[in-house]
Amino acid sequence: MTIRPLWLALPLMLTGCSTLANMHAPSLSSFNPMNWFGSSLEVTEQGVGKLTASTPLTESAVSDGLDGDYKLRSGMSMSNGKMRTFYEAMDGKTVKLVVSGEPKGKVQRIEVTDPDVESQWGVKIGAPFSSLYSKAFDACQKGQGDDARNVECKAPNSQHVSYVFSGNWDGPDELMPADENLKSWTVSKIIWHTN
């Protein structure tokens, strides 16, 4: 009779062990007081946080590169006829970053929509077009895919960073808004890419 309670408790103990085994240990950066207030991530010429062009596109590498600050959700998509792997970095139910590249390859593109993450030049989500550019010529082009109604502009003096601007535009989809219209548009996405 004394063995019976043990048999009842054993499945509960084993379940607890497996649950604990699947939990991620907090990264050391979470103990740094500098990281307690806002994000420590920054978009630079080299990448975002510790994610660079040499980072393998795996869940563990992406999580480590983002200091474990986000919950990751993975998926596959097609872009320009090529298969792409992506990881959405989530804060609750909100997507804050999308990290993508070729399957089993390296990180090639990072799209940042987290308002707490800024570029190395101090540009954040919500920055007005007029604070960075006087005109779109030579710097900007119509957005593509999900950003078709937006405008993407190369960050000044950068090869790998661009800003996506969103705003009101009543003109035809295939035309770029005039500079006068763009003045009031704001950064809705910061993109780092390898090419």
Protein backbone atom coordinates (compact mmCIF):
# COMPACT_ATOMS: atom_id res chain seq x y z
CA MET A 1 0.00 0.00 0.00
CA THR A 2 2.87 2.43 0.67
CA ILE A 3 4.16 2.04 -2.91
CA ARG A 4 0.90 3.25 -4.46
CA PRO A 5 1.36 7.01 -3.72
CA LEU A 6 4.81 6.80 -5.31
CA TRP A 7 3.32 5.38 -8.53
CA LEU A 8 0.83 8.26 -8.59
CA ALA A 9 3.53 10.88 -7.98
CA LEU A 10 6.05 9.43 -10.48
CA PRO A 11 4.28 10.66 -13.67
CA LEU A 12 3.96 14.13 -12.14
CA MET A 13 7.66 14.22 -11.28
CA LEU A 14 8.65 13.05 -14.76
CA THR A 15 6.38 15.64 -16.39
CA GLY A 16 7.98 18.34 -14.29
CA CYS A 17 11.45 17.21 -15.38
CA SER A 18 10.60 17.30 -19.07
CA THR A 19 9.02 20.74 -18.75
CA LEU A 20 12.11 22.09 -17.01
CA ALA A 21 14.36 20.52 -19.64
CA ASN A 22 12.60 22.50 -22.38
CA MET A 23 12.94 25.85 -20.62
CA HIS A 24 15.67 28.20 -21.82
CA ALA A 25 18.07 29.45 -19.20
CA PRO A 26 18.21 33.25 -19.06
CA SER A 27 21.12 34.75 -20.98
CA LEU A 28 23.85 36.50 -19.00
CA SER A 29 22.84 39.79 -20.62
CA SER A 30 19.51 39.66 -18.76
CA PHE A 31 21.47 40.15 -15.52
CA ASN A 32 23.19 43.31 -16.83
CA PRO A 33 21.47 46.39 -15.29
CA MET A 34 22.12 48.33 -18.52
CA ASN A 35 19.71 45.95 -20.29
CA TRP A 36 16.87 46.26 -17.77
CA PHE A 37 15.49 49.42 -19.35
CA GLY A 38 14.70 49.22 -23.06
CA SER A 39 16.44 47.24 -25.73
CA SER A 40 20.21 46.91 -26.03
CA LEU A 41 19.89 45.99 -29.72
CA GLU A 42 21.16 48.30 -32.42
CA VAL A 43 21.09 48.14 -36.22
CA THR A 44 24.62 48.64 -37.58
CA GLU A 45 26.44 48.09 -40.86
CA GLN A 46 27.40 44.64 -39.52
CA GLY A 47 23.93 43.48 -38.49
CA VAL A 48 21.48 43.68 -35.59
CA GLY A 49 22.65 42.94 -32.07
CA LYS A 50 25.03 40.01 -32.44
CA LEU A 51 23.35 38.80 -35.66
CA THR A 52 25.63 39.27 -38.68
CA ALA A 53 26.10 37.81 -42.17
CA SER A 54 28.12 34.97 -40.60
CA THR A 55 25.35 33.92 -38.17
CA PRO A 56 23.81 30.52 -39.04
CA LEU A 57 20.07 30.74 -39.66
CA THR A 58 19.12 28.40 -36.80
CA GLU A 59 16.77 29.01 -33.90
CA SER A 60 19.50 28.78 -31.27
CA ALA A 61 21.89 31.11 -33.14
CA VAL A 62 19.14 33.70 -33.78
CA SER A 63 17.99 33.54 -30.15
CA ASP A 64 21.57 33.98 -28.91
CA GLY A 65 22.14 36.86 -31.35
CA LEU A 66 19.10 38.63 -29.92
CA ASP A 67 20.20 37.91 -26.32
CA GLY A 68 17.14 35.70 -25.78
CA ASP A 69 15.00 38.86 -25.49
CA TYR A 70 12.26 37.57 -27.80
CA LYS A 71 10.22 34.41 -28.30
CA LEU A 72 10.91 33.00 -31.78
CA ARG A 73 8.43 31.62 -34.30
CA SER A 74 9.80 29.98 -37.45
CA GLY A 75 8.40 29.60 -40.93
CA MET A 76 9.13 29.27 -44.65
CA SER A 77 8.15 31.55 -47.53
CA MET A 78 8.84 32.21 -51.21
CA SER A 79 10.55 35.40 -52.35
CA ASN A 80 11.46 36.08 -56.00
CA GLY A 81 11.06 32.38 -56.76
CA LYS A 82 13.41 31.29 -53.94
CA MET A 83 12.57 29.44 -50.75
CA ARG A 84 13.30 31.47 -47.61
CA THR A 85 13.51 30.49 -43.96
CA PHE A 86 12.49 33.12 -41.43
CA TYR A 87 12.25 33.60 -37.69
CA GLU A 88 9.80 36.11 -36.25
CA ALA A 89 11.02 37.59 -32.97
CA MET A 90 7.91 38.09 -30.84
CA ASP A 91 7.17 40.20 -27.79
CA GLY A 92 3.87 38.74 -26.61
CA LYS A 93 1.77 38.52 -29.79
CA THR A 94 3.60 41.35 -31.57
CA VAL A 95 6.29 40.69 -34.21
CA LYS A 96 9.26 42.97 -33.45
CA LEU A 97 11.87 41.60 -35.89
CA VAL A 98 11.96 39.17 -38.81
CA VAL A 99 15.27 37.39 -39.49
CA SER A 100 15.51 35.56 -42.82
CA GLY A 101 17.79 33.87 -45.33
CA GLU A 102 18.17 30.75 -47.44
CA PRO A 103 17.27 27.43 -45.77
CA LYS A 104 20.26 26.00 -43.85
CA GLY A 105 22.22 29.13 -44.77
CA LYS A 106 23.26 32.30 -42.96
CA VAL A 107 21.31 35.39 -41.93
CA GLN A 108 20.74 37.59 -45.00
CA ARG A 109 18.02 40.04 -43.98
CA ILE A 110 16.63 41.48 -40.75
CA GLU A 111 13.50 43.63 -40.66
CA VAL A 112 13.10 45.65 -37.47
CA THR A 113 9.75 47.07 -36.35
CA ASP A 114 10.58 47.27 -32.63
CA PRO A 115 10.35 50.96 -31.64
CA ASP A 116 13.00 50.39 -28.94
CA VAL A 117 15.66 49.39 -31.49
CA GLU A 118 17.49 52.16 -33.33
CA SER A 119 20.17 52.35 -36.00
CA GLN A 120 23.76 53.25 -35.15
CA TRP A 121 22.92 56.74 -36.44
CA GLY A 122 20.14 57.17 -33.87
CA VAL A 123 17.20 56.62 -36.27
CA LYS A 124 14.17 54.91 -34.73
CA ILE A 125 10.71 53.84 -35.85
CA GLY A 126 8.62 56.99 -36.25
CA ALA A 127 11.46 59.26 -37.45
CA PRO A 128 10.16 61.64 -40.16
CA PHE A 129 11.47 61.45 -43.74
CA SER A 130 12.34 65.16 -43.62
CA SER A 131 14.81 64.60 -40.75
CA LEU A 132 16.94 62.34 -42.99
CA TYR A 133 16.35 63.35 -46.61
CA SER A 134 15.56 66.50 -48.55
CA LYS A 135 14.53 64.49 -51.63
CA ALA A 136 13.94 60.88 -52.63
CA PHE A 137 15.99 60.99 -55.85
CA ASP A 138 19.07 58.71 -55.76
CA ALA A 139 18.22 57.38 -52.29
CA CYS A 140 14.73 55.89 -52.44
CA GLN A 141 12.60 53.49 -54.44
CA LYS A 142 9.11 52.05 -54.27
CA GLY A 143 8.79 49.29 -51.70
CA GLN A 144 8.19 45.71 -52.78
CA GLY A 145 6.06 42.82 -51.56
CA ASP A 146 4.38 43.68 -48.25
CA ASP A 147 5.89 47.17 -48.51
CA ALA A 148 4.49 47.95 -51.99
CA ARG A 149 2.56 50.99 -50.65
CA ASN A 150 5.68 52.28 -48.88
CA VAL A 151 9.02 53.77 -49.92
CA GLU A 152 12.42 52.24 -49.08
CA CYS A 153 15.46 54.51 -48.78
CA LYS A 154 19.12 53.65 -48.33
CA ALA A 155 20.45 54.93 -45.03
CA PRO A 156 22.91 57.75 -45.74
CA ASN A 157 26.52 56.48 -45.99
CA SER A 158 25.40 52.86 -45.61
CA GLN A 159 25.66 49.78 -47.83
CA HIS A 160 23.54 47.44 -45.69
CA VAL A 161 20.88 49.49 -43.90
CA SER A 162 17.70 51.01 -45.32
CA TYR A 163 14.59 52.64 -43.91
CA VAL A 164 11.02 51.93 -44.99
CA PHE A 165 8.76 54.98 -44.82
CA SER A 166 4.96 54.83 -44.58
CA GLY A 167 2.39 57.56 -44.97
CA ASN A 168 -0.69 58.75 -46.82
CA TRP A 169 -0.61 58.63 -50.61
CA ASP A 170 -3.63 58.93 -52.87
CA GLY A 171 -1.73 58.54 -56.14
CA PRO A 172 -1.36 55.43 -58.30
CA ASP A 173 0.44 52.46 -56.72
CA GLU A 174 3.11 52.36 -59.42
CA LEU A 175 4.18 55.98 -58.86
CA MET A 176 6.50 57.24 -56.16
CA PRO A 177 5.01 59.99 -53.97
CA ALA A 178 6.42 63.49 -54.50
CA ASP A 179 9.07 64.80 -52.08
CA GLU A 180 6.47 67.18 -50.66
CA ASN A 181 4.27 64.20 -49.71
CA LEU A 182 7.18 62.19 -48.32
CA LYS A 183 8.17 64.94 -45.87
CA SER A 184 5.50 63.83 -43.42
CA TRP A 185 6.07 60.08 -43.89
CA THR A 186 7.76 58.24 -41.03
CA VAL A 187 10.05 55.23 -40.61
CA SER A 188 7.93 52.10 -40.15
CA LYS A 189 10.73 49.55 -40.55
CA ILE A 190 14.53 49.45 -40.41
CA ILE A 191 16.11 46.83 -42.67
CA TRP A 192 19.56 45.33 -42.55
CA HIS A 193 20.52 43.18 -45.55
CA THR A 194 23.65 41.55 -46.96
CA ASN A 195 23.29 42.87 -50.52
